[in-house]
Amino acid sequence: MLSIQGVGGVPEPTGPKQGSSKAKDTEKAPASSDGVSISSEAAQAAEVITAISASAKNSEIRQERVEAARQNIESGTYKVQDVVRQVAERLTKYVS
């Protein structure tokens, strides 16, 4: 005997089989909640980015001093030892 199976030989879909443990398990399983966890490295990177953007907004660069230093370097009158001494004096406040 000849039988026809769906359209183009594709069988008709059937529902879940009775006695299937898979269907029962999904019905009993509690609903899971989605979540996101951020690694400590990502949190630190976010802090660095925040600090960089804050420093860019609150720049203490005095353009006239930068320009004067640039001219001194180009003319050869920039005294490196004086700068090193000044930086060392300022750093001692934070080290002691």
C-alpha atoms as a PDB file:
ATOM      1  CA  MET A   1       0.000   0.000   0.000  1.00  0.00           C
ATOM      2  CA  LEU A   2       1.191   3.494  -0.822  1.00  0.00           C
ATOM      3  CA  SER A   3       1.054   6.344   1.733  1.00  0.00           C
ATOM      4  CA  ILE A   4       1.637  10.068   1.397  1.00  0.00           C
ATOM      5  CA  GLN A   5       3.896  11.684   4.009  1.00  0.00           C
ATOM      6  CA  GLY A   6       3.422  15.430   4.271  1.00  0.00           C
ATOM      7  CA  VAL A   7       4.402  17.872   1.560  1.00  0.00           C
ATOM      8  CA  GLY A   8       7.293  16.813  -0.627  1.00  0.00           C
ATOM      9  CA  GLY A   9       7.949  13.670   1.371  1.00  0.00           C
ATOM     10  CA  VAL A  10       8.535  15.566   4.635  1.00  0.00           C
ATOM     11  CA  PRO A  11       6.598  13.977   7.483  1.00  0.00           C
ATOM     12  CA  GLU A  12       4.089  15.977   9.483  1.00  0.00           C
ATOM     13  CA  PRO A  13       5.438  17.317  12.785  1.00  0.00           C
ATOM     14  CA  THR A  14       4.428  15.448  15.861  1.00  0.00           C
ATOM     15  CA  GLY A  15       4.107  16.671  19.439  1.00  0.00           C
ATOM     16  CA  PRO A  16       6.226  15.469  22.317  1.00  0.00           C
ATOM     17  CA  LYS A  17       6.047  11.785  22.909  1.00  0.00           C
ATOM     18  CA  GLN A  18       4.315  10.678  26.028  1.00  0.00           C
ATOM     19  CA  GLY A  19       6.679   9.283  28.573  1.00  0.00           C
ATOM     20  CA  SER A  20       9.518  11.462  27.356  1.00  0.00           C
ATOM     21  CA  SER A  21      11.615  12.426  30.356  1.00  0.00           C
ATOM     22  CA  LYS A  22      13.021  15.415  28.495  1.00  0.00           C
ATOM     23  CA  ALA A  23       9.653  17.147  28.243  1.00  0.00           C
ATOM     24  CA  LYS A  24       8.931  16.522  31.908  1.00  0.00           C
ATOM     25  CA  ASP A  25      12.311  17.869  33.025  1.00  0.00           C
ATOM     26  CA  THR A  26      11.798  21.189  31.273  1.00  0.00           C
ATOM     27  CA  GLU A  27       8.431  21.617  32.904  1.00  0.00           C
ATOM     28  CA  LYS A  28       9.838  21.021  36.396  1.00  0.00           C
ATOM     29  CA  ALA A  29      13.046  23.021  35.979  1.00  0.00           C
ATOM     30  CA  PRO A  30      13.012  26.371  37.798  1.00  0.00           C
ATOM     31  CA  ALA A  31      13.294  29.480  35.683  1.00  0.00           C
ATOM     32  CA  SER A  32      16.898  30.626  35.433  1.00  0.00           C
ATOM     33  CA  SER A  33      17.846  34.268  35.646  1.00  0.00           C
ATOM     34  CA  ASP A  34      20.393  35.875  33.392  1.00  0.00           C
ATOM     35  CA  GLY A  35      23.244  37.808  34.910  1.00  0.00           C
ATOM     36  CA  VAL A  36      26.502  39.503  34.166  1.00  0.00           C
ATOM     37  CA  SER A  37      29.685  39.251  36.161  1.00  0.00           C
ATOM     38  CA  ILE A  38      32.613  41.563  35.595  1.00  0.00           C
ATOM     39  CA  SER A  39      36.135  40.354  36.236  1.00  0.00           C
ATOM     40  CA  SER A  40      38.405  42.256  38.582  1.00  0.00           C
ATOM     41  CA  GLU A  41      40.665  43.115  35.638  1.00  0.00           C
ATOM     42  CA  ALA A  42      37.745  44.684  33.769  1.00  0.00           C
ATOM     43  CA  ALA A  43      36.747  46.658  36.869  1.00  0.00           C
ATOM     44  CA  GLN A  44      40.298  47.964  37.242  1.00  0.00           C
ATOM     45  CA  ALA A  45      40.402  48.905  33.565  1.00  0.00           C
ATOM     46  CA  ALA A  46      37.162  50.839  34.005  1.00  0.00           C
ATOM     47  CA  GLU A  47      38.683  52.721  36.955  1.00  0.00           C
ATOM     48  CA  VAL A  48      41.751  53.623  34.886  1.00  0.00           C
ATOM     49  CA  ILE A  49      39.592  54.879  32.031  1.00  0.00           C
ATOM     50  CA  THR A  50      37.543  56.956  34.470  1.00  0.00           C
ATOM     51  CA  ALA A  51      40.708  58.460  35.975  1.00  0.00           C
ATOM     52  CA  ILE A  52      42.142  59.267  32.550  1.00  0.00           C
ATOM     53  CA  SER A  53      38.962  60.970  31.385  1.00  0.00           C
ATOM     54  CA  ALA A  54      38.737  62.944  34.655  1.00  0.00           C
ATOM     55  CA  SER A  55      42.347  64.089  34.334  1.00  0.00           C
ATOM     56  CA  ALA A  56      41.737  65.166  30.743  1.00  0.00           C
ATOM     57  CA  LYS A  57      38.815  67.327  31.873  1.00  0.00           C
ATOM     58  CA  ASN A  58      40.682  68.827  34.826  1.00  0.00           C
ATOM     59  CA  SER A  59      44.020  69.421  33.170  1.00  0.00           C
ATOM     60  CA  GLU A  60      46.473  71.449  35.201  1.00  0.00           C
ATOM     61  CA  ILE A  61      48.838  71.945  32.280  1.00  0.00           C
ATOM     62  CA  ARG A  62      49.887  75.530  32.025  1.00  0.00           C
ATOM     63  CA  GLN A  63      50.434  76.080  28.347  1.00  0.00           C
ATOM     64  CA  GLU A  64      52.708  79.102  28.832  1.00  0.00           C
ATOM     65  CA  ARG A  65      55.116  77.027  30.969  1.00  0.00           C
ATOM     66  CA  VAL A  66      55.114  74.216  28.424  1.00  0.00           C
ATOM     67  CA  GLU A  67      55.893  76.677  25.656  1.00  0.00           C
ATOM     68  CA  ALA A  68      58.718  78.253  27.696  1.00  0.00           C
ATOM     69  CA  ALA A  69      60.239  74.820  28.362  1.00  0.00           C
ATOM     70  CA  ARG A  70      59.985  73.940  24.677  1.00  0.00           C
ATOM     71  CA  GLN A  71      61.814  77.136  23.705  1.00  0.00           C
ATOM     72  CA  ASN A  72      64.520  76.487  26.317  1.00  0.00           C
ATOM     73  CA  ILE A  73      65.048  72.957  25.008  1.00  0.00           C
ATOM     74  CA  GLU A  74      65.279  74.172  21.410  1.00  0.00           C
ATOM     75  CA  SER A  75      67.708  76.947  22.301  1.00  0.00           C
ATOM     76  CA  GLY A  76      69.837  74.687  24.503  1.00  0.00           C
ATOM     77  CA  THR A  77      69.310  76.694  27.708  1.00  0.00           C
ATOM     78  CA  TYR A  78      67.121  74.093  29.436  1.00  0.00           C
ATOM     79  CA  LYS A  79      68.817  73.074  32.687  1.00  0.00           C
ATOM     80  CA  VAL A  80      68.055  69.436  33.381  1.00  0.00           C
ATOM     81  CA  GLN A  81      69.713  69.373  36.827  1.00  0.00           C
ATOM     82  CA  ASP A  82      67.490  72.174  38.088  1.00  0.00           C
ATOM     83  CA  VAL A  83      64.404  70.295  36.970  1.00  0.00           C
ATOM     84  CA  VAL A  84      65.585  67.058  38.594  1.00  0.00           C
ATOM     85  CA  ARG A  85      66.233  68.903  41.868  1.00  0.00           C
ATOM     86  CA  GLN A  86      62.784  70.540  41.818  1.00  0.00           C
ATOM     87  CA  VAL A  87      61.034  67.257  41.103  1.00  0.00           C
ATOM     88  CA  ALA A  88      62.992  65.514  43.871  1.00  0.00           C
ATOM     89  CA  GLU A  89      62.060  68.253  46.351  1.00  0.00           C
ATOM     90  CA  ARG A  90      58.378  67.957  45.455  1.00  0.00           C
ATOM     91  CA  LEU A  91      58.410  64.164  45.679  1.00  0.00           C
ATOM     92  CA  THR A  92      59.850  64.193  49.193  1.00  0.00           C
ATOM     93  CA  LYS A  93      56.469  65.459  50.435  1.00  0.00           C
ATOM     94  CA  TYR A  94      54.873  62.198  49.353  1.00  0.00           C
ATOM     95  CA  VAL A  95      57.659  59.787  50.292  1.00  0.00           C
ATOM     96  CA  SER A  96      58.313  60.739  53.915  1.00  0.00           C
END
